[in-house]
Amino acid sequence: MTLAADNAISPCLWFDHQLEEAAAFYTSIFPNSSIGHLTRYPDSIPSQRGRVMAGEFTLDGLMFRAINGGPDHAGFTETISFSVTCADQAEVDHYWSSLTADGGEESVCGWLKDRFGLSWQIVPRRLYELMEDPDPARATAATEAMLQMRKIVVADLEAAADAVAEE
């Protein structure tokens, strides 16, 4: 058995009633993003007339499906998160400030929750490089520095790794 087409497997998010707002928010933050088809409730359901029932949006080339399933769910938890690998500190700062805006919450080690309660990991590529440094002392120092941070700051990671190397 093979899967049909591109994006045959994609995340599906359950919102209470904010799918359209969330799609607009996320697509304004990430490049190569767009809102796809939004299915609205039929007029035969007067209490939902005009509201979005389900839809699709693309974030930097990855398609998401979503539903407005109502409040009868547990909400998002950290057990599912989206990790954004950033090229540099400017990208970290952009995603961090955008996703924590208007009610988002900072957490630790590069984690945050956006205003919809969805968890994100905003990680500079440099962190992975430092954590895989061939010098175990540098790798450990960078890891320990990261564990003390909320938003990851590349300069602080490098300073921690360099301080150990100078000893």
Protein backbone atom coordinates (compact mmCIF):
# COMPACT_ATOMS: atom_id res chain seq x y z
CA MET A 1 0.00 0.00 0.00
CA THR A 2 1.26 3.49 -0.80
CA LEU A 3 -0.02 6.88 0.24
CA ALA A 4 -1.80 8.93 -2.37
CA ALA A 5 -0.28 12.36 -2.91
CA ASP A 6 2.02 14.93 -1.38
CA ASN A 7 1.00 15.68 2.18
CA ALA A 8 -0.92 12.42 2.45
CA ILE A 9 -0.04 12.61 6.14
CA SER A 10 -0.46 16.00 7.75
CA PRO A 11 -1.17 17.38 11.21
CA CYS A 12 -4.79 18.06 12.04
CA LEU A 13 -5.49 20.58 14.79
CA TRP A 14 -8.71 20.85 16.82
CA PHE A 15 -9.74 24.40 17.71
CA ASP A 16 -12.74 25.44 19.75
CA HIS A 17 -13.88 28.11 17.27
CA GLN A 18 -10.70 29.99 16.29
CA LEU A 19 -9.56 28.03 13.21
CA GLU A 20 -9.87 30.96 10.81
CA GLU A 21 -8.16 33.36 13.24
CA ALA A 22 -5.38 30.83 13.93
CA ALA A 23 -4.78 30.17 10.23
CA ALA A 24 -4.49 33.92 9.56
CA PHE A 25 -2.12 34.29 12.55
CA TYR A 26 0.19 31.42 11.59
CA THR A 27 0.32 32.26 7.88
CA SER A 28 1.31 35.84 8.74
CA ILE A 29 4.36 34.56 10.64
CA PHE A 30 5.86 31.85 8.42
CA PRO A 31 7.18 32.30 4.86
CA ASN A 32 5.70 30.31 1.96
CA SER A 33 2.38 30.10 3.79
CA SER A 34 -1.23 30.42 2.74
CA ILE A 35 -4.76 29.64 3.78
CA GLY A 36 -6.34 26.97 1.63
CA HIS A 37 -9.93 25.89 1.49
CA LEU A 38 -12.19 26.75 4.41
CA THR A 39 -15.46 24.83 4.70
CA ARG A 40 -18.25 26.75 6.37
CA TYR A 41 -21.27 25.29 8.10
CA PRO A 42 -24.33 25.12 5.85
CA ASP A 43 -27.16 27.63 6.22
CA SER A 44 -29.33 24.74 7.40
CA ILE A 45 -27.58 25.04 10.79
CA PRO A 46 -28.65 28.57 11.80
CA SER A 47 -26.60 28.63 15.02
CA GLN A 48 -23.39 28.09 13.02
CA ARG A 49 -24.28 30.07 9.88
CA GLY A 50 -21.13 31.53 8.30
CA ARG A 51 -18.73 29.96 10.78
CA VAL A 52 -15.80 27.86 9.63
CA MET A 53 -16.22 24.13 10.28
CA ALA A 54 -12.93 22.82 8.85
CA GLY A 55 -10.08 23.96 6.65
CA GLU A 56 -6.52 23.75 5.49
CA PHE A 57 -3.55 26.06 5.69
CA THR A 58 0.10 25.73 4.70
CA LEU A 59 3.04 26.88 6.84
CA ASP A 60 6.35 27.06 5.02
CA GLY A 61 5.26 24.30 2.67
CA LEU A 62 3.73 21.96 5.29
CA MET A 63 -0.02 21.51 5.00
CA PHE A 64 -2.15 21.49 8.15
CA ARG A 65 -5.75 20.44 8.42
CA ALA A 66 -7.90 21.85 11.19
CA ILE A 67 -11.41 21.71 12.56
CA ASN A 68 -13.51 23.88 14.79
CA GLY A 69 -14.64 21.01 16.95
CA GLY A 70 -15.95 23.05 19.85
CA PRO A 71 -14.87 23.17 23.46
CA ASP A 72 -15.50 19.48 24.15
CA HIS A 73 -11.83 18.54 23.99
CA ALA A 74 -8.87 18.69 26.33
CA GLY A 75 -7.08 21.40 24.36
CA PHE A 76 -3.50 21.32 23.21
CA THR A 77 -0.78 19.98 25.50
CA GLU A 78 3.00 19.85 25.29
CA THR A 79 2.78 16.21 24.25
CA ILE A 80 2.43 17.52 20.71
CA SER A 81 4.52 20.48 19.60
CA PHE A 82 5.97 21.93 16.44
CA SER A 83 9.71 22.48 16.25
CA VAL A 84 11.04 25.36 14.17
CA THR A 85 14.72 25.12 13.28
CA CYS A 86 16.08 28.64 12.82
CA ALA A 87 19.09 29.69 10.78
CA ASP A 88 20.19 32.41 13.19
CA GLN A 89 19.26 34.58 16.17
CA ALA A 90 17.19 36.93 14.01
CA GLU A 91 14.90 34.03 13.05
CA VAL A 92 14.70 32.86 16.68
CA ASP A 93 13.72 36.38 17.73
CA HIS A 94 11.12 36.68 14.95
CA TYR A 95 9.35 33.41 15.68
CA TRP A 96 9.63 33.82 19.44
CA SER A 97 8.15 37.31 19.53
CA SER A 98 5.49 36.54 16.92
CA LEU A 99 4.26 33.33 18.53
CA THR A 100 4.25 34.73 22.09
CA ALA A 101 2.43 37.91 21.02
CA ASP A 102 -1.09 38.67 22.20
CA GLY A 103 -1.32 36.10 24.97
CA GLY A 104 1.36 33.55 24.18
CA GLU A 105 3.48 32.21 27.04
CA GLU A 106 7.21 31.67 27.30
CA SER A 107 8.40 28.41 28.75
CA VAL A 108 11.92 27.00 29.13
CA CYS A 109 14.58 25.62 26.78
CA GLY A 110 13.17 27.30 23.68
CA TRP A 111 9.57 26.18 24.27
CA LEU A 112 6.54 28.45 24.18
CA LYS A 113 2.78 28.30 23.84
CA ASP A 114 1.02 30.59 21.40
CA ARG A 115 -2.25 32.34 22.22
CA PHE A 116 -4.21 29.30 21.02
CA GLY A 117 -2.36 27.02 23.44
CA LEU A 118 -0.29 25.24 20.80
CA SER A 119 3.29 24.40 21.87
CA TRP A 120 6.30 25.34 19.76
CA GLN A 121 10.03 24.75 20.06
CA ILE A 122 12.06 27.60 18.58
CA VAL A 123 15.56 26.21 18.12
CA PRO A 124 18.58 27.76 16.41
CA ARG A 125 20.52 25.35 14.24
CA ARG A 126 23.62 26.44 16.17
CA LEU A 127 22.29 24.75 19.32
CA TYR A 128 22.30 21.37 17.55
CA GLU A 129 25.83 22.02 16.28
CA LEU A 130 27.12 22.93 19.74
CA MET A 131 25.38 19.98 21.39
CA GLU A 132 27.17 17.71 18.90
CA ASP A 133 30.56 19.40 19.34
CA PRO A 134 33.36 16.81 19.25
CA ASP A 135 34.64 18.28 22.53
CA PRO A 136 32.30 16.83 25.19
CA ALA A 137 33.02 19.69 27.59
CA ARG A 138 31.87 22.28 25.00
CA ALA A 139 28.77 20.23 24.21
CA THR A 140 27.94 19.90 27.91
CA ALA A 141 28.48 23.61 28.55
CA ALA A 142 26.20 24.59 25.67
CA THR A 143 23.54 22.14 26.83
CA GLU A 144 23.72 23.39 30.41
CA ALA A 145 23.44 26.99 29.20
CA MET A 146 20.37 26.12 27.11
CA LEU A 147 18.70 24.49 30.13
CA GLN A 148 18.84 27.87 31.92
CA MET A 149 17.19 29.81 29.08
CA ARG A 150 13.67 30.60 28.04
CA LYS A 151 14.28 31.94 24.53
CA ILE A 152 17.52 30.44 23.25
CA VAL A 153 20.24 33.02 22.71
CA VAL A 154 22.97 31.84 20.37
CA ALA A 155 25.63 34.24 21.68
CA ASP A 156 25.12 32.92 25.21
CA LEU A 157 25.41 29.32 24.04
CA GLU A 158 28.64 30.09 22.21
CA ALA A 159 30.02 32.02 25.19
CA ALA A 160 29.35 29.07 27.49
CA ALA A 161 31.03 26.63 25.09
CA ASP A 162 33.97 28.97 24.49
CA ALA A 163 34.49 29.57 28.22
CA VAL A 164 35.03 25.83 28.78
CA ALA A 165 37.40 25.60 25.82
CA GLU A 166 39.58 28.38 27.28
CA GLU A 167 40.04 26.60 30.61
